[in-house]
Amino acid sequence: MAVLRMSTEELSRVETLVQVASGRLTVTEAARIMGITRRHAHRLLTRFMDDGSSGLISRRRGRPSNRRMDDAIRTRIVALVREHYYDFGPTLAAEYLAERHDIRVSRETLRKLMIEAGIWRDRVARRPRPYQPRYRRDCRGELIQIDGSKHWWFEDRGPQCTLLVY
């Protein structure tokens, strides 16, 4: 028995197509529920009948995108940025790459490439930590805290006193 990893959308499609196969739903109703066209619902139903629920799993899963940039181009871009534009932000570096080297790449893609290469740090990584971290103690009870607050503890019956909490 094989274990299938399915997204929630694929699982809901299995449930809907089971109802279609048992005759409780029509293909048109199932298409409306799944938010797809009737034609696509027929394609999914055919794959479901032939392969079972494993037929509904995307066949593109685990493969690189068709729009993925070639590795040689990626390394060339990173090399150019390292050599000439290491102190530029992604937007300006993309403009210079297009202008001087005739390489057209979006600033967001260039930003991701620069972060992967360690040339650029995103805003969250650049932001300094707002506080000095207190490192955890080795033994329980090692940290001692004392708090004192001046207050009218005895109302009008005595002077203002300080309560020390230890």
Protein backbone atom coordinates (compact mmCIF):
# COMPACT_ATOMS: atom_id res chain seq x y z
CA MET A 1 0.00 0.00 0.00
CA ALA A 2 1.49 3.33 -1.07
CA VAL A 3 1.07 6.59 0.83
CA LEU A 4 -0.08 9.52 -1.32
CA ARG A 5 0.66 13.13 -0.43
CA MET A 6 -2.22 15.29 -1.59
CA SER A 7 -3.07 18.92 -1.14
CA THR A 8 -6.38 19.87 0.47
CA GLU A 9 -7.69 20.90 -2.96
CA GLU A 10 -6.85 17.48 -4.39
CA LEU A 11 -8.49 15.75 -1.41
CA SER A 12 -11.69 17.73 -1.85
CA ARG A 13 -11.66 16.84 -5.55
CA VAL A 14 -11.42 13.14 -4.64
CA GLU A 15 -14.46 13.45 -2.36
CA THR A 16 -16.44 15.28 -5.05
CA LEU A 17 -15.52 12.79 -7.77
CA VAL A 18 -16.48 9.87 -5.51
CA GLN A 19 -19.96 11.41 -5.31
CA VAL A 20 -20.02 11.78 -9.10
CA ALA A 21 -18.95 8.15 -9.58
CA SER A 22 -21.65 6.94 -7.19
CA GLY A 23 -24.30 8.97 -9.00
CA ARG A 24 -25.12 11.43 -6.19
CA LEU A 25 -23.77 14.40 -8.19
CA THR A 26 -23.71 15.31 -11.85
CA VAL A 27 -20.50 16.37 -13.57
CA THR A 28 -21.85 19.90 -14.00
CA GLU A 29 -22.59 20.21 -10.26
CA ALA A 30 -19.19 18.78 -9.40
CA ALA A 31 -17.48 21.27 -11.75
CA ARG A 32 -19.31 24.13 -10.04
CA ILE A 33 -18.29 22.83 -6.58
CA MET A 34 -14.65 22.38 -7.60
CA GLY A 35 -14.58 25.77 -9.35
CA ILE A 36 -13.47 24.39 -12.72
CA THR A 37 -15.02 24.01 -16.15
CA ARG A 38 -17.26 21.10 -17.03
CA ARG A 39 -14.74 19.91 -19.60
CA HIS A 40 -11.94 19.83 -17.03
CA ALA A 41 -14.22 17.99 -14.60
CA HIS A 42 -14.76 15.29 -17.26
CA ARG A 43 -10.96 15.01 -17.71
CA LEU A 44 -10.48 14.64 -13.94
CA LEU A 45 -13.27 12.08 -13.75
CA THR A 46 -11.64 10.01 -16.51
CA ARG A 47 -8.28 10.11 -14.71
CA PHE A 48 -10.00 9.24 -11.44
CA MET A 49 -11.73 6.24 -13.00
CA ASP A 50 -8.51 5.02 -14.66
CA ASP A 51 -5.90 5.66 -11.93
CA GLY A 52 -7.93 6.16 -8.75
CA SER A 53 -7.14 9.01 -6.39
CA SER A 54 -3.46 8.97 -7.41
CA GLY A 55 -4.57 10.16 -10.86
CA LEU A 56 -5.63 13.50 -9.38
CA ILE A 57 -2.19 14.34 -8.01
CA SER A 58 -0.43 16.96 -10.09
CA ARG A 59 2.10 15.39 -12.42
CA ARG A 60 4.25 18.53 -12.24
CA ARG A 61 4.94 18.02 -8.52
CA GLY A 62 8.63 17.73 -7.70
CA ARG A 63 9.79 19.01 -11.08
CA PRO A 64 11.34 22.40 -11.79
CA SER A 65 9.17 25.12 -13.27
CA ASN A 66 9.01 25.59 -17.03
CA ARG A 67 9.73 29.28 -16.43
CA ARG A 68 12.90 28.58 -14.42
CA MET A 69 15.95 30.57 -15.46
CA ASP A 70 18.87 28.57 -16.84
CA ASP A 71 21.63 27.92 -14.31
CA ALA A 72 24.32 29.36 -16.60
CA ILE A 73 22.44 32.66 -16.87
CA ARG A 74 21.88 32.73 -13.10
CA THR A 75 25.59 32.28 -12.38
CA ARG A 76 26.51 34.92 -14.98
CA ILE A 77 24.10 37.42 -13.39
CA VAL A 78 25.42 36.72 -9.89
CA ALA A 79 29.02 37.04 -11.13
CA LEU A 80 28.26 40.40 -12.79
CA VAL A 81 26.53 41.71 -9.67
CA ARG A 82 29.42 40.54 -7.47
CA GLU A 83 31.99 42.16 -9.75
CA HIS A 84 30.32 45.48 -10.60
CA TYR A 85 27.19 46.08 -8.50
CA TYR A 86 27.84 44.43 -5.13
CA ASP A 87 26.84 47.59 -3.22
CA PHE A 88 23.69 48.27 -5.27
CA GLY A 89 20.14 47.42 -4.35
CA PRO A 90 18.22 44.98 -6.57
CA THR A 91 16.29 47.68 -8.43
CA LEU A 92 19.32 49.71 -9.45
CA ALA A 93 21.35 46.59 -10.22
CA ALA A 94 18.56 45.32 -12.52
CA GLU A 95 18.54 48.67 -14.34
CA TYR A 96 22.33 48.60 -14.81
CA LEU A 97 22.27 44.96 -15.98
CA ALA A 98 19.67 45.87 -18.61
CA GLU A 99 21.46 49.06 -19.64
CA ARG A 100 25.09 47.97 -19.72
CA HIS A 101 25.00 44.18 -20.18
CA ASP A 102 21.69 43.75 -22.05
CA ILE A 103 20.41 41.27 -19.45
CA ARG A 104 16.73 41.78 -18.68
CA VAL A 105 15.75 40.40 -15.28
CA SER A 106 13.04 41.64 -12.93
CA ARG A 107 14.15 43.33 -9.75
CA GLU A 108 12.34 40.71 -7.65
CA THR A 109 14.11 37.83 -9.40
CA LEU A 110 17.41 39.66 -8.99
CA ARG A 111 16.64 40.29 -5.32
CA LYS A 112 16.09 36.54 -4.77
CA LEU A 113 19.32 35.71 -6.62
CA MET A 114 21.24 38.26 -4.56
CA ILE A 115 19.83 36.92 -1.28
CA GLU A 116 20.73 33.33 -2.26
CA ALA A 117 24.27 34.43 -3.15
CA GLY A 118 24.64 36.38 0.11
CA ILE A 119 25.10 39.73 -1.64
CA TRP A 120 21.87 41.30 -0.38
CA ARG A 121 19.97 40.98 2.90
CA ASP A 122 16.26 41.66 3.05
CA ARG A 123 14.91 44.38 5.33
CA VAL A 124 13.99 42.02 8.16
CA ALA A 125 17.49 40.53 8.22
CA ARG A 126 19.10 44.00 8.18
CA ARG A 127 17.00 45.32 11.05
CA PRO A 128 18.90 45.33 14.36
CA ARG A 129 17.45 43.33 17.22
CA PRO A 130 15.41 45.65 19.44
CA TYR A 131 16.68 44.17 22.71
CA GLN A 132 19.62 42.38 24.21
CA PRO A 133 18.65 38.73 24.55
CA ARG A 134 18.71 37.26 28.05
CA TYR A 135 20.22 33.83 27.76
CA ARG A 136 18.56 31.02 29.66
CA ARG A 137 20.10 29.89 32.95
CA ASP A 138 21.44 26.38 33.39
CA CYS A 139 19.54 25.63 36.58
CA ARG A 140 16.00 26.47 37.55
CA GLY A 141 15.82 29.26 40.12
CA GLU A 142 19.21 30.73 39.29
CA LEU A 143 17.76 34.04 38.11
CA ILE A 144 16.76 36.35 40.95
CA GLN A 145 14.42 39.27 40.31
CA ILE A 146 13.65 42.02 42.78
CA ASP A 147 10.91 44.59 42.33
CA GLY A 148 10.23 47.58 44.56
CA SER A 149 7.33 49.97 44.26
CA LYS A 150 6.51 52.97 46.47
CA HIS A 151 2.83 53.01 47.41
CA TRP A 152 0.36 53.91 50.14
CA TRP A 153 0.17 50.33 51.38
CA PHE A 154 -1.40 51.21 54.74
CA GLU A 155 -3.78 53.80 53.30
CA ASP A 156 -3.89 56.82 55.64
CA ARG A 157 -2.75 54.84 58.72
CA GLY A 158 0.98 55.16 58.03
CA PRO A 159 3.62 56.65 55.76
CA GLN A 160 4.21 55.71 52.11
CA CYS A 161 6.23 52.47 52.06
CA THR A 162 8.17 50.41 49.53
CA LEU A 163 7.24 46.77 49.08
CA LEU A 164 10.12 44.59 47.94
CA VAL A 165 9.13 41.46 46.04
CA TYR A 166 11.88 38.85 45.84
